[in-house]
Amino acid sequence: LSLITQPTLVLVGSSDDFQGCTGSHVEQSRFLATHIPHAKLVMLPGMKHGYFLERPAESMAIVAEWLAGYT
């Protein structure tokens, strides 16, 4: 992960409590954001794994805002 050089946005729903082999998606996302240089972690309040389906406009606004910083 430390070799990733591209800007990275890590998105996760704050209520995404699915437990995989390496912990919950929230824990996994925190790990990724900590170990990828210059990564940005955004936790979507009250959302679970399907945040693009749950609240598409809000989810896309976050992605669009992040991308706008690189154009």
N, C-alpha and C. Protein backbone atom coordinates (compact mmCIF):
# COMPACT_ATOMS: atom_id res chain seq x y z
N LEU A 1 0.81 -1.20 0.00
CA LEU A 1 0.00 0.00 0.00
C LEU A 1 0.85 1.25 0.00
N SER A 2 1.98 1.19 0.66
CA SER A 2 2.83 2.37 0.76
C SER A 2 3.43 2.77 -0.57
N LEU A 3 3.35 1.90 -1.59
CA LEU A 3 3.90 2.20 -2.91
C LEU A 3 2.90 2.90 -3.82
N ILE A 4 1.67 3.01 -3.39
CA ILE A 4 0.66 3.70 -4.20
C ILE A 4 1.00 5.18 -4.22
N THR A 5 1.10 5.74 -5.41
CA THR A 5 1.49 7.14 -5.54
C THR A 5 0.36 8.03 -6.03
N GLN A 6 -0.72 7.46 -6.47
CA GLN A 6 -1.84 8.24 -6.99
C GLN A 6 -2.74 8.70 -5.85
N PRO A 7 -3.36 9.86 -6.03
CA PRO A 7 -4.33 10.30 -5.02
C PRO A 7 -5.40 9.23 -4.85
N THR A 8 -5.78 9.01 -3.61
CA THR A 8 -6.71 7.92 -3.31
C THR A 8 -7.81 8.41 -2.39
N LEU A 9 -9.04 8.15 -2.79
CA LEU A 9 -10.20 8.45 -1.96
C LEU A 9 -10.74 7.12 -1.44
N VAL A 10 -10.83 7.01 -0.13
CA VAL A 10 -11.37 5.80 0.50
C VAL A 10 -12.74 6.18 1.06
N LEU A 11 -13.78 5.57 0.51
CA LEU A 11 -15.15 5.85 0.95
C LEU A 11 -15.70 4.65 1.70
N VAL A 12 -16.42 4.93 2.76
CA VAL A 12 -17.08 3.85 3.49
C VAL A 12 -18.29 4.44 4.22
N GLY A 13 -19.34 3.66 4.30
CA GLY A 13 -20.49 4.07 5.09
C GLY A 13 -20.19 3.86 6.57
N SER A 14 -20.51 4.82 7.39
CA SER A 14 -20.20 4.72 8.82
C SER A 14 -20.93 3.57 9.50
N SER A 15 -22.01 3.08 8.89
CA SER A 15 -22.77 1.95 9.46
C SER A 15 -22.48 0.64 8.75
N ASP A 16 -21.41 0.61 7.96
CA ASP A 16 -21.04 -0.62 7.23
C ASP A 16 -20.28 -1.53 8.18
N ASP A 17 -21.04 -2.36 8.90
CA ASP A 17 -20.44 -3.19 9.94
C ASP A 17 -20.21 -4.64 9.49
N PHE A 18 -20.24 -4.87 8.17
CA PHE A 18 -19.96 -6.22 7.67
C PHE A 18 -18.59 -6.67 8.16
N GLN A 19 -18.51 -7.88 8.69
CA GLN A 19 -17.26 -8.41 9.21
C GLN A 19 -16.67 -9.42 8.23
N GLY A 20 -15.60 -9.03 7.56
CA GLY A 20 -14.87 -9.94 6.69
C GLY A 20 -13.72 -10.56 7.44
N CYS A 21 -12.83 -11.18 6.74
CA CYS A 21 -11.67 -11.83 7.36
C CYS A 21 -10.73 -10.85 8.04
N THR A 22 -10.74 -9.60 7.59
CA THR A 22 -9.81 -8.61 8.14
C THR A 22 -10.52 -7.52 8.93
N GLY A 23 -11.71 -7.78 9.39
CA GLY A 23 -12.44 -6.81 10.18
C GLY A 23 -13.58 -6.19 9.40
N SER A 24 -14.22 -5.22 10.02
CA SER A 24 -15.36 -4.56 9.37
C SER A 24 -14.88 -3.68 8.23
N HIS A 25 -15.79 -3.31 7.36
CA HIS A 25 -15.43 -2.44 6.25
C HIS A 25 -14.93 -1.09 6.76
N VAL A 26 -15.47 -0.62 7.88
CA VAL A 26 -14.98 0.64 8.46
C VAL A 26 -13.54 0.47 8.91
N GLU A 27 -13.23 -0.63 9.60
CA GLU A 27 -11.86 -0.89 10.05
C GLU A 27 -10.92 -1.04 8.86
N GLN A 28 -11.35 -1.75 7.83
CA GLN A 28 -10.53 -1.95 6.63
C GLN A 28 -10.26 -0.62 5.95
N SER A 29 -11.26 0.23 5.88
CA SER A 29 -11.10 1.53 5.23
C SER A 29 -10.14 2.42 6.01
N ARG A 30 -10.25 2.39 7.31
CA ARG A 30 -9.29 3.16 8.13
C ARG A 30 -7.87 2.67 7.91
N PHE A 31 -7.70 1.36 7.83
CA PHE A 31 -6.38 0.79 7.58
C PHE A 31 -5.83 1.27 6.24
N LEU A 32 -6.67 1.17 5.19
CA LEU A 32 -6.23 1.61 3.87
C LEU A 32 -5.83 3.08 3.88
N ALA A 33 -6.66 3.92 4.46
CA ALA A 33 -6.39 5.35 4.47
C ALA A 33 -5.12 5.68 5.26
N THR A 34 -4.83 4.89 6.26
CA THR A 34 -3.63 5.11 7.06
C THR A 34 -2.37 4.67 6.32
N HIS A 35 -2.48 3.63 5.51
CA HIS A 35 -1.30 3.04 4.88
C HIS A 35 -1.07 3.44 3.42
N ILE A 36 -2.01 4.13 2.81
CA ILE A 36 -1.81 4.66 1.46
C ILE A 36 -1.41 6.12 1.60
N PRO A 37 -0.22 6.48 1.12
CA PRO A 37 0.23 7.87 1.27
C PRO A 37 -0.78 8.85 0.68
N HIS A 38 -1.06 9.89 1.43
CA HIS A 38 -1.93 10.98 0.99
C HIS A 38 -3.36 10.55 0.67
N ALA A 39 -3.80 9.43 1.23
CA ALA A 39 -5.18 8.99 1.03
C ALA A 39 -6.12 9.85 1.86
N LYS A 40 -7.32 10.01 1.37
CA LYS A 40 -8.36 10.73 2.10
C LYS A 40 -9.47 9.75 2.43
N LEU A 41 -9.81 9.66 3.69
CA LEU A 41 -10.90 8.80 4.15
C LEU A 41 -12.15 9.65 4.35
N VAL A 42 -13.24 9.21 3.74
CA VAL A 42 -14.53 9.86 3.95
C VAL A 42 -15.51 8.79 4.41
N MET A 43 -16.07 9.02 5.60
CA MET A 43 -17.09 8.12 6.14
C MET A 43 -18.44 8.78 5.92
N LEU A 44 -19.30 8.08 5.21
CA LEU A 44 -20.62 8.61 4.88
C LEU A 44 -21.57 8.31 6.05
N PRO A 45 -22.01 9.34 6.75
CA PRO A 45 -22.80 9.17 7.97
C PRO A 45 -24.07 8.35 7.76
N GLY A 46 -24.24 7.34 8.61
CA GLY A 46 -25.46 6.55 8.62
C GLY A 46 -25.64 5.60 7.46
N MET A 47 -24.68 5.55 6.55
CA MET A 47 -24.84 4.69 5.38
C MET A 47 -24.12 3.36 5.59
N LYS A 48 -24.54 2.38 4.79
CA LYS A 48 -23.92 1.06 4.83
C LYS A 48 -23.12 0.85 3.56
N HIS A 49 -23.07 -0.38 3.07
CA HIS A 49 -22.21 -0.73 1.94
C HIS A 49 -22.70 -0.18 0.61
N GLY A 50 -23.99 0.03 0.47
CA GLY A 50 -24.54 0.46 -0.81
C GLY A 50 -24.81 1.95 -0.85
N TYR A 51 -23.85 2.77 -0.42
CA TYR A 51 -24.10 4.20 -0.32
C TYR A 51 -24.44 4.85 -1.66
N PHE A 52 -23.91 4.33 -2.77
CA PHE A 52 -24.26 4.89 -4.08
C PHE A 52 -25.71 4.60 -4.44
N LEU A 53 -26.29 3.55 -3.86
CA LEU A 53 -27.70 3.24 -4.07
C LEU A 53 -28.57 3.91 -3.01
N GLU A 54 -28.06 3.99 -1.78
CA GLU A 54 -28.82 4.59 -0.69
C GLU A 54 -29.03 6.08 -0.89
N ARG A 55 -27.95 6.78 -1.22
CA ARG A 55 -28.00 8.23 -1.40
C ARG A 55 -27.08 8.63 -2.54
N PRO A 56 -27.51 8.36 -3.77
CA PRO A 56 -26.63 8.58 -4.92
C PRO A 56 -26.16 10.02 -5.08
N ALA A 57 -27.03 10.98 -4.89
CA ALA A 57 -26.63 12.38 -5.09
C ALA A 57 -25.56 12.80 -4.09
N GLU A 58 -25.75 12.44 -2.84
CA GLU A 58 -24.78 12.78 -1.79
C GLU A 58 -23.44 12.08 -2.04
N SER A 59 -23.49 10.81 -2.40
CA SER A 59 -22.28 10.04 -2.66
C SER A 59 -21.50 10.61 -3.84
N MET A 60 -22.21 10.91 -4.91
CA MET A 60 -21.55 11.45 -6.10
C MET A 60 -21.00 12.85 -5.85
N ALA A 61 -21.67 13.63 -5.03
CA ALA A 61 -21.17 14.97 -4.71
C ALA A 61 -19.82 14.88 -4.00
N ILE A 62 -19.66 13.91 -3.13
CA ILE A 62 -18.39 13.74 -2.42
C ILE A 62 -17.30 13.35 -3.40
N VAL A 63 -17.60 12.42 -4.28
CA VAL A 63 -16.61 11.99 -5.29
C VAL A 63 -16.28 13.15 -6.22
N ALA A 64 -17.29 13.87 -6.68
CA ALA A 64 -17.06 14.98 -7.61
C ALA A 64 -16.21 16.07 -6.96
N GLU A 65 -16.49 16.37 -5.70
CA GLU A 65 -15.71 17.39 -4.99
C GLU A 65 -14.26 16.96 -4.87
N TRP A 66 -14.04 15.69 -4.54
CA TRP A 66 -12.67 15.18 -4.41
C TRP A 66 -11.95 15.24 -5.75
N LEU A 67 -12.63 14.79 -6.81
CA LEU A 67 -12.03 14.82 -8.15
C LEU A 67 -11.72 16.24 -8.61
N ALA A 68 -12.56 17.18 -8.25
CA ALA A 68 -12.35 18.57 -8.64
C ALA A 68 -11.03 19.12 -8.12
N GLY A 69 -10.55 18.55 -7.06
CA GLY A 69 -9.27 18.98 -6.52
C GLY A 69 -8.08 18.51 -7.34
N TYR A 70 -8.33 17.70 -8.36
CA TYR A 70 -7.24 17.15 -9.17
C TYR A 70 -7.39 17.49 -10.65
N THR A 71 -8.22 18.49 -10.98
CA THR A 71 -8.38 18.87 -12.37
C THR A 71 -7.73 20.20 -12.66
